Amino acid sequence: MNSIETVSERIKQTSIIAILRGDFSVEDTIRLGEALMAGTVRVMEVTLNSPSALNALPQLRKHFGDEMLVGAGTVRDV
């Protein structure tokens, strides 16, 4: 998924974005993503004020590939 239009369409299609906020391990975050996928949720945001977010985001992307749109939230700076 590489264009803004594609991302926008994916969000419109699903009508729901799961927002993960809290002190989850990378493994817990992946398990939560798997549960979301089982429930047909295909868009997930991990807030950057969560302690493991920067470690979890690339692992989520690797684990789910194009099956789930994974993004960062609560981004305050570059």
PDB file of N, CA and C in Angstrom:
ATOM      1  N   MET A   1       0.853  -1.161   0.000  1.00  0.00           N
ATOM      2  CA  MET A   1       0.000   0.000   0.000  1.00  0.00           C
ATOM      3  C   MET A   1       0.900   1.224   0.000  1.00  0.00           C
ATOM      4  N   ASN A   2       0.814   2.029  -1.044  1.00  0.00           N
ATOM      5  CA  ASN A   2       1.789   3.087  -1.137  1.00  0.00           C
ATOM      6  C   ASN A   2       1.223   4.460  -1.450  1.00  0.00           C
ATOM      7  N   SER A   3      -0.034   4.590  -1.792  1.00  0.00           N
ATOM      8  CA  SER A   3      -0.536   5.918  -2.109  1.00  0.00           C
ATOM      9  C   SER A   3      -1.559   6.374  -1.079  1.00  0.00           C
ATOM     10  N   ILE A   4      -1.661   7.670  -0.930  1.00  0.00           N
ATOM     11  CA  ILE A   4      -2.624   8.244   0.011  1.00  0.00           C
ATOM     12  C   ILE A   4      -4.043   7.844  -0.386  1.00  0.00           C
ATOM     13  N   GLU A   5      -4.319   7.803  -1.690  1.00  0.00           N
ATOM     14  CA  GLU A   5      -5.648   7.422  -2.147  1.00  0.00           C
ATOM     15  C   GLU A   5      -5.981   5.991  -1.740  1.00  0.00           C
ATOM     16  N   THR A   6      -5.032   5.099  -1.859  1.00  0.00           N
ATOM     17  CA  THR A   6      -5.250   3.706  -1.489  1.00  0.00           C
ATOM     18  C   THR A   6      -5.511   3.580   0.002  1.00  0.00           C
ATOM     19  N   VAL A   7      -4.737   4.282   0.808  1.00  0.00           N
ATOM     20  CA  VAL A   7      -4.928   4.257   2.258  1.00  0.00           C
ATOM     21  C   VAL A   7      -6.304   4.816   2.602  1.00  0.00           C
ATOM     22  N   SER A   8      -6.653   5.928   2.004  1.00  0.00           N
ATOM     23  CA  SER A   8      -7.950   6.549   2.254  1.00  0.00           C
ATOM     24  C   SER A   8      -9.096   5.611   1.881  1.00  0.00           C
ATOM     25  N   GLU A   9      -8.986   4.953   0.757  1.00  0.00           N
ATOM     26  CA  GLU A   9     -10.019   4.012   0.333  1.00  0.00           C
ATOM     27  C   GLU A   9     -10.124   2.832   1.299  1.00  0.00           C
ATOM     28  N   ARG A  10      -9.006   2.346   1.750  1.00  0.00           N
ATOM     29  CA  ARG A  10      -9.007   1.209   2.690  1.00  0.00           C
ATOM     30  C   ARG A  10      -9.724   1.585   3.975  1.00  0.00           C
ATOM     31  N   ILE A  11      -9.465   2.790   4.467  1.00  0.00           N
ATOM     32  CA  ILE A  11     -10.134   3.247   5.693  1.00  0.00           C
ATOM     33  C   ILE A  11     -11.634   3.403   5.441  1.00  0.00           C
ATOM     34  N   LYS A  12     -12.011   3.966   4.314  1.00  0.00           N
ATOM     35  CA  LYS A  12     -13.431   4.127   3.984  1.00  0.00           C
ATOM     36  C   LYS A  12     -14.141   2.778   3.891  1.00  0.00           C
ATOM     37  N   GLN A  13     -13.474   1.788   3.319  1.00  0.00           N
ATOM     38  CA  GLN A  13     -14.072   0.466   3.150  1.00  0.00           C
ATOM     39  C   GLN A  13     -14.338  -0.210   4.487  1.00  0.00           C
ATOM     40  N   THR A  14     -13.425  -0.060   5.429  1.00  0.00           N
ATOM     41  CA  THR A  14     -13.561  -0.771   6.696  1.00  0.00           C
ATOM     42  C   THR A  14     -14.471  -0.057   7.677  1.00  0.00           C
ATOM     43  N   SER A  15     -14.532   1.262   7.585  1.00  0.00           N
ATOM     44  CA  SER A  15     -15.382   2.082   8.462  1.00  0.00           C
ATOM     45  C   SER A  15     -15.004   2.014   9.939  1.00  0.00           C
ATOM     46  N   ILE A  16     -13.888   1.380  10.257  1.00  0.00           N
ATOM     47  CA  ILE A  16     -13.461   1.305  11.653  1.00  0.00           C
ATOM     48  C   ILE A  16     -11.946   1.266  11.718  1.00  0.00           C
ATOM     49  N   ILE A  17     -11.411   1.979  12.694  1.00  0.00           N
ATOM     50  CA  ILE A  17      -9.970   1.953  12.960  1.00  0.00           C
ATOM     51  C   ILE A  17      -9.800   1.563  14.422  1.00  0.00           C
ATOM     52  N   ALA A  18      -9.103   0.480  14.664  1.00  0.00           N
ATOM     53  CA  ALA A  18      -8.804   0.078  16.035  1.00  0.00           C
ATOM     54  C   ALA A  18      -7.603   0.890  16.512  1.00  0.00           C
ATOM     55  N   ILE A  19      -7.732   1.526  17.658  1.00  0.00           N
ATOM     56  CA  ILE A  19      -6.648   2.332  18.211  1.00  0.00           C
ATOM     57  C   ILE A  19      -6.115   1.631  19.449  1.00  0.00           C
ATOM     58  N   LEU A  20      -4.838   1.253  19.386  1.00  0.00           N
ATOM     59  CA  LEU A  20      -4.194   0.592  20.512  1.00  0.00           C
ATOM     60  C   LEU A  20      -3.398   1.625  21.290  1.00  0.00           C
ATOM     61  N   ARG A  21      -3.782   1.809  22.518  1.00  0.00           N
ATOM     62  CA  ARG A  21      -3.123   2.778  23.387  1.00  0.00           C
ATOM     63  C   ARG A  21      -2.893   2.077  24.721  1.00  0.00           C
ATOM     64  N   GLY A  22      -1.680   2.085  25.166  1.00  0.00           N
ATOM     65  CA  GLY A  22      -1.402   1.465  26.453  1.00  0.00           C
ATOM     66  C   GLY A  22      -0.034   0.822  26.483  1.00  0.00           C
ATOM     67  N   ASP A  23       0.241   0.156  27.564  1.00  0.00           N
ATOM     68  CA  ASP A  23       1.538  -0.461  27.794  1.00  0.00           C
ATOM     69  C   ASP A  23       1.477  -1.933  27.403  1.00  0.00           C
ATOM     70  N   PHE A  24       1.500  -2.193  26.089  1.00  0.00           N
ATOM     71  CA  PHE A  24       1.474  -3.553  25.567  1.00  0.00           C
ATOM     72  C   PHE A  24       2.859  -3.936  25.084  1.00  0.00           C
ATOM     73  N   SER A  25       3.217  -5.190  25.263  1.00  0.00           N
ATOM     74  CA  SER A  25       4.461  -5.677  24.678  1.00  0.00           C
ATOM     75  C   SER A  25       4.256  -5.821  23.173  1.00  0.00           C
ATOM     76  N   VAL A  26       5.348  -5.978  22.450  1.00  0.00           N
ATOM     77  CA  VAL A  26       5.248  -6.204  21.002  1.00  0.00           C
ATOM     78  C   VAL A  26       4.436  -7.470  20.744  1.00  0.00           C
ATOM     79  N   GLU A  27       4.681  -8.509  21.520  1.00  0.00           N
ATOM     80  CA  GLU A  27       3.961  -9.772  21.342  1.00  0.00           C
ATOM     81  C   GLU A  27       2.474  -9.588  21.601  1.00  0.00           C
ATOM     82  N   ASP A  28       2.121  -8.828  22.652  1.00  0.00           N
ATOM     83  CA  ASP A  28       0.707  -8.558  22.935  1.00  0.00           C
ATOM     84  C   ASP A  28       0.064  -7.779  21.790  1.00  0.00           C
ATOM     85  N   THR A  29       0.793  -6.838  21.238  1.00  0.00           N
ATOM     86  CA  THR A  29       0.267  -6.024  20.144  1.00  0.00           C
ATOM     87  C   THR A  29      -0.015  -6.890  18.918  1.00  0.00           C
ATOM     88  N   ILE A  30       0.868  -7.826  18.635  1.00  0.00           N
ATOM     89  CA  ILE A  30       0.641  -8.747  17.519  1.00  0.00           C
ATOM     90  C   ILE A  30      -0.570  -9.627  17.796  1.00  0.00           C
ATOM     91  N   ARG A  31      -0.699 -10.114  19.023  1.00  0.00           N
ATOM     92  CA  ARG A  31      -1.869 -10.932  19.378  1.00  0.00           C
ATOM     93  C   ARG A  31      -3.167 -10.121  19.247  1.00  0.00           C
ATOM     94  N   LEU A  32      -3.123  -8.865  19.664  1.00  0.00           N
ATOM     95  CA  LEU A  32      -4.293  -8.001  19.503  1.00  0.00           C
ATOM     96  C   LEU A  32      -4.624  -7.816  18.024  1.00  0.00           C
ATOM     97  N   GLY A  33      -3.582  -7.639  17.203  1.00  0.00           N
ATOM     98  CA  GLY A  33      -3.798  -7.529  15.761  1.00  0.00           C
ATOM     99  C   GLY A  33      -4.423  -8.786  15.182  1.00  0.00           C
ATOM    100  N   GLU A  34      -3.985  -9.933  15.643  1.00  0.00           N
ATOM    101  CA  GLU A  34      -4.568 -11.195  15.169  1.00  0.00           C
ATOM    102  C   GLU A  34      -6.033 -11.300  15.564  1.00  0.00           C
ATOM    103  N   ALA A  35      -6.358 -10.863  16.772  1.00  0.00           N
ATOM    104  CA  ALA A  35      -7.760 -10.873  17.207  1.00  0.00           C
ATOM    105  C   ALA A  35      -8.594  -9.914  16.362  1.00  0.00           C
ATOM    106  N   LEU A  36      -8.034  -8.762  16.047  1.00  0.00           N
ATOM    107  CA  LEU A  36      -8.742  -7.810  15.193  1.00  0.00           C
ATOM    108  C   LEU A  36      -8.990  -8.413  13.814  1.00  0.00           C
ATOM    109  N   MET A  37      -7.978  -9.061  13.264  1.00  0.00           N
ATOM    110  CA  MET A  37      -8.124  -9.693  11.949  1.00  0.00           C
ATOM    111  C   MET A  37      -9.216 -10.765  11.988  1.00  0.00           C
ATOM    112  N   ALA A  38      -9.262 -11.533  13.069  1.00  0.00           N
ATOM    113  CA  ALA A  38     -10.291 -12.570  13.201  1.00  0.00           C
ATOM    114  C   ALA A  38     -11.685 -11.949  13.222  1.00  0.00           C
ATOM    115  N   GLY A  39     -11.770 -10.730  13.731  1.00  0.00           N
ATOM    116  CA  GLY A  39     -13.040 -10.016  13.767  1.00  0.00           C
ATOM    117  C   GLY A  39     -13.244  -9.113  12.572  1.00  0.00           C
ATOM    118  N   THR A  40     -12.456  -9.263  11.539  1.00  0.00           N
ATOM    119  CA  THR A  40     -12.523  -8.545  10.260  1.00  0.00           C
ATOM    120  C   THR A  40     -12.126  -7.071  10.334  1.00  0.00           C
ATOM    121  N   VAL A  41     -11.447  -6.648  11.384  1.00  0.00           N
ATOM    122  CA  VAL A  41     -10.912  -5.283  11.445  1.00  0.00           C
ATOM    123  C   VAL A  41      -9.576  -5.297  10.731  1.00  0.00           C
ATOM    124  N   ARG A  42      -9.401  -4.412   9.752  1.00  0.00           N
ATOM    125  CA  ARG A  42      -8.198  -4.416   8.918  1.00  0.00           C
ATOM    126  C   ARG A  42      -7.391  -3.123   8.988  1.00  0.00           C
ATOM    127  N   VAL A  43      -7.736  -2.234   9.919  1.00  0.00           N
ATOM    128  CA  VAL A  43      -6.998  -0.980  10.077  1.00  0.00           C
ATOM    129  C   VAL A  43      -6.699  -0.794  11.560  1.00  0.00           C
ATOM    130  N   MET A  44      -5.416  -0.607  11.887  1.00  0.00           N
ATOM    131  CA  MET A  44      -4.991  -0.470  13.265  1.00  0.00           C
ATOM    132  C   MET A  44      -4.044   0.713  13.415  1.00  0.00           C
ATOM    133  N   GLU A  45      -4.261   1.489  14.461  1.00  0.00           N
ATOM    134  CA  GLU A  45      -3.357   2.580  14.808  1.00  0.00           C
ATOM    135  C   GLU A  45      -2.729   2.261  16.157  1.00  0.00           C
ATOM    136  N   VAL A  46      -1.436   2.436  16.259  1.00  0.00           N
ATOM    137  CA  VAL A  46      -0.734   2.287  17.532  1.00  0.00           C
ATOM    138  C   VAL A  46      -0.259   3.682  17.930  1.00  0.00           C
ATOM    139  N   THR A  47      -0.709   4.142  19.080  1.00  0.00           N
ATOM    140  CA  THR A  47      -0.342   5.495  19.492  1.00  0.00           C
ATOM    141  C   THR A  47       1.113   5.540  19.943  1.00  0.00           C
ATOM    142  N   LEU A  48       1.797   6.580  19.551  1.00  0.00           N
ATOM    143  CA  LEU A  48       3.221   6.694  19.874  1.00  0.00           C
ATOM    144  C   LEU A  48       3.478   7.040  21.337  1.00  0.00           C
ATOM    145  N   ASN A  49       2.436   7.345  22.092  1.00  0.00           N
ATOM    146  CA  ASN A  49       2.660   7.533  23.522  1.00  0.00           C
ATOM    147  C   ASN A  49       2.588   6.196  24.262  1.00  0.00           C
ATOM    148  N   SER A  50       2.423   5.101  23.526  1.00  0.00           N
ATOM    149  CA  SER A  50       2.522   3.759  24.102  1.00  0.00           C
ATOM    150  C   SER A  50       3.995   3.368  24.138  1.00  0.00           C
ATOM    151  N   PRO A  51       4.474   2.841  25.262  1.00  0.00           N
ATOM    152  CA  PRO A  51       5.907   2.581  25.419  1.00  0.00           C
ATOM    153  C   PRO A  51       6.561   1.710  24.344  1.00  0.00           C
ATOM    154  N   SER A  52       5.877   0.711  23.835  1.00  0.00           N
ATOM    155  CA  SER A  52       6.508  -0.193  22.869  1.00  0.00           C
ATOM    156  C   SER A  52       6.147   0.125  21.418  1.00  0.00           C
ATOM    157  N   ALA A  53       5.515   1.250  21.174  1.00  0.00           N
ATOM    158  CA  ALA A  53       5.005   1.567  19.834  1.00  0.00           C
ATOM    159  C   ALA A  53       6.085   1.525  18.757  1.00  0.00           C
ATOM    160  N   LEU A  54       7.215   2.159  18.995  1.00  0.00           N
ATOM    161  CA  LEU A  54       8.250   2.214  17.957  1.00  0.00           C
ATOM    162  C   LEU A  54       8.834   0.843  17.644  1.00  0.00           C
ATOM    163  N   ASN A  55       8.811  -0.048  18.606  1.00  0.00           N
ATOM    164  CA  ASN A  55       9.248  -1.421  18.346  1.00  0.00           C
ATOM    165  C   ASN A  55       8.137  -2.238  17.700  1.00  0.00           C
ATOM    166  N   ALA A  56       6.892  -1.964  18.082  1.00  0.00           N
ATOM    167  CA  ALA A  56       5.766  -2.761  17.597  1.00  0.00           C
ATOM    168  C   ALA A  56       5.418  -2.466  16.146  1.00  0.00           C
ATOM    169  N   LEU A  57       5.492  -1.216  15.730  1.00  0.00           N
ATOM    170  CA  LEU A  57       5.050  -0.856  14.378  1.00  0.00           C
ATOM    171  C   LEU A  57       5.739  -1.652  13.275  1.00  0.00           C
ATOM    172  N   PRO A  58       7.069  -1.735  13.237  1.00  0.00           N
ATOM    173  CA  PRO A  58       7.683  -2.531  12.163  1.00  0.00           C
ATOM    174  C   PRO A  58       7.377  -4.026  12.285  1.00  0.00           C
ATOM    175  N   GLN A  59       7.214  -4.501  13.511  1.00  0.00           N
ATOM    176  CA  GLN A  59       6.888  -5.926  13.691  1.00  0.00           C
ATOM    177  C   GLN A  59       5.472  -6.223  13.205  1.00  0.00           C
ATOM    178  N   LEU A  60       4.548  -5.297  13.462  1.00  0.00           N
ATOM    179  CA  LEU A  60       3.179  -5.462  12.964  1.00  0.00           C
ATOM    180  C   LEU A  60       3.168  -5.480  11.442  1.00  0.00           C
ATOM    181  N   ARG A  61       3.894  -4.564  10.848  1.00  0.00           N
ATOM    182  CA  ARG A  61       3.958  -4.477   9.382  1.00  0.00           C
ATOM    183  C   ARG A  61       4.523  -5.772   8.799  1.00  0.00           C
ATOM    184  N   LYS A  62       5.575  -6.271   9.429  1.00  0.00           N
ATOM    185  CA  LYS A  62       6.194  -7.520   8.974  1.00  0.00           C
ATOM    186  C   LYS A  62       5.226  -8.697   9.135  1.00  0.00           C
ATOM    187  N   HIS A  63       4.547  -8.740  10.255  1.00  0.00           N
ATOM    188  CA  HIS A  63       3.656  -9.855  10.558  1.00  0.00           C
ATOM    189  C   HIS A  63       2.418  -9.868   9.662  1.00  0.00           C
ATOM    190  N   PHE A  64       1.801  -8.708   9.446  1.00  0.00           N
ATOM    191  CA  PHE A  64       0.533  -8.646   8.719  1.00  0.00           C
ATOM    192  C   PHE A  64       0.670  -8.262   7.249  1.00  0.00           C
ATOM    193  N   GLY A  65       1.795  -7.690   6.864  1.00  0.00           N
ATOM    194  CA  GLY A  65       1.971  -7.288   5.469  1.00  0.00           C
ATOM    195  C   GLY A  65       0.845  -6.385   5.004  1.00  0.00           C
ATOM    196  N   ASP A  66       0.315  -6.669   3.834  1.00  0.00           N
ATOM    197  CA  ASP A  66      -0.774  -5.858   3.279  1.00  0.00           C
ATOM    198  C   ASP A  66      -2.155  -6.284   3.777  1.00  0.00           C
ATOM    199  N   GLU A  67      -2.207  -7.299   4.622  1.00  0.00           N
ATOM    200  CA  GLU A  67      -3.502  -7.753   5.145  1.00  0.00           C
ATOM    201  C   GLU A  67      -4.119  -6.747   6.104  1.00  0.00           C
ATOM    202  N   MET A  68      -3.277  -5.978   6.790  1.00  0.00           N
ATOM    203  CA  MET A  68      -3.778  -4.983   7.737  1.00  0.00           C
ATOM    204  C   MET A  68      -3.031  -3.679   7.510  1.00  0.00           C
ATOM    205  N   LEU A  69      -3.779  -2.596   7.490  1.00  0.00           N
ATOM    206  CA  LEU A  69      -3.198  -1.263   7.398  1.00  0.00           C
ATOM    207  C   LEU A  69      -2.807  -0.851   8.814  1.00  0.00           C
ATOM    208  N   VAL A  70      -1.523  -0.623   9.043  1.00  0.00           N
ATOM    209  CA  VAL A  70      -1.011  -0.289  10.370  1.00  0.00           C
ATOM    210  C   VAL A  70      -0.393   1.108  10.319  1.00  0.00           C
ATOM    211  N   GLY A  71      -0.791   1.947  11.269  1.00  0.00           N
ATOM    212  CA  GLY A  71      -0.266   3.295  11.300  1.00  0.00           C
ATOM    213  C   GLY A  71       0.047   3.755  12.700  1.00  0.00           C
ATOM    214  N   ALA A  72       0.676   4.906  12.776  1.00  0.00           N
ATOM    215  CA  ALA A  72       1.044   5.511  14.053  1.00  0.00           C
ATOM    216  C   ALA A  72       0.102   6.656  14.358  1.00  0.00           C
ATOM    217  N   GLY A  73      -0.238   6.788  15.623  1.00  0.00           N
ATOM    218  CA  GLY A  73      -1.070   7.901  16.071  1.00  0.00           C
ATOM    219  C   GLY A  73      -0.388   8.662  17.182  1.00  0.00           C
ATOM    220  N   THR A  74      -0.938   9.784  17.534  1.00  0.00           N
ATOM    221  CA  THR A  74      -0.370  10.679  18.539  1.00  0.00           C
ATOM    222  C   THR A  74       1.068  11.022  18.169  1.00  0.00           C
ATOM    223  N   VAL A  75       1.268  11.341  16.894  1.00  0.00           N
ATOM    224  CA  VAL A  75       2.588  11.723  16.408  1.00  0.00           C
ATOM    225  C   VAL A  75       2.753  13.222  16.650  1.00  0.00           C
ATOM    226  N   ARG A  76       3.755  13.589  17.435  1.00  0.00           N
ATOM    227  CA  ARG A  76       3.927  14.992  17.810  1.00  0.00           C
ATOM    228  C   ARG A  76       5.105  15.658  17.123  1.00  0.00           C
ATOM    229  N   ASP A  77       6.049  14.877  16.625  1.00  0.00           N
ATOM    230  CA  ASP A  77       7.190  15.453  15.914  1.00  0.00           C
ATOM    231  C   ASP A  77       7.774  14.435  14.959  1.00  0.00           C
ATOM    232  N   VAL A  78       8.660  14.918  14.099  1.00  0.00           N
ATOM    233  CA  VAL A  78       9.269  14.049  13.096  1.00  0.00           C
ATOM    234  C   VAL A  78      10.145  13.020  13.764  1.00  0.00           C
TER     235      VAL A  78
END
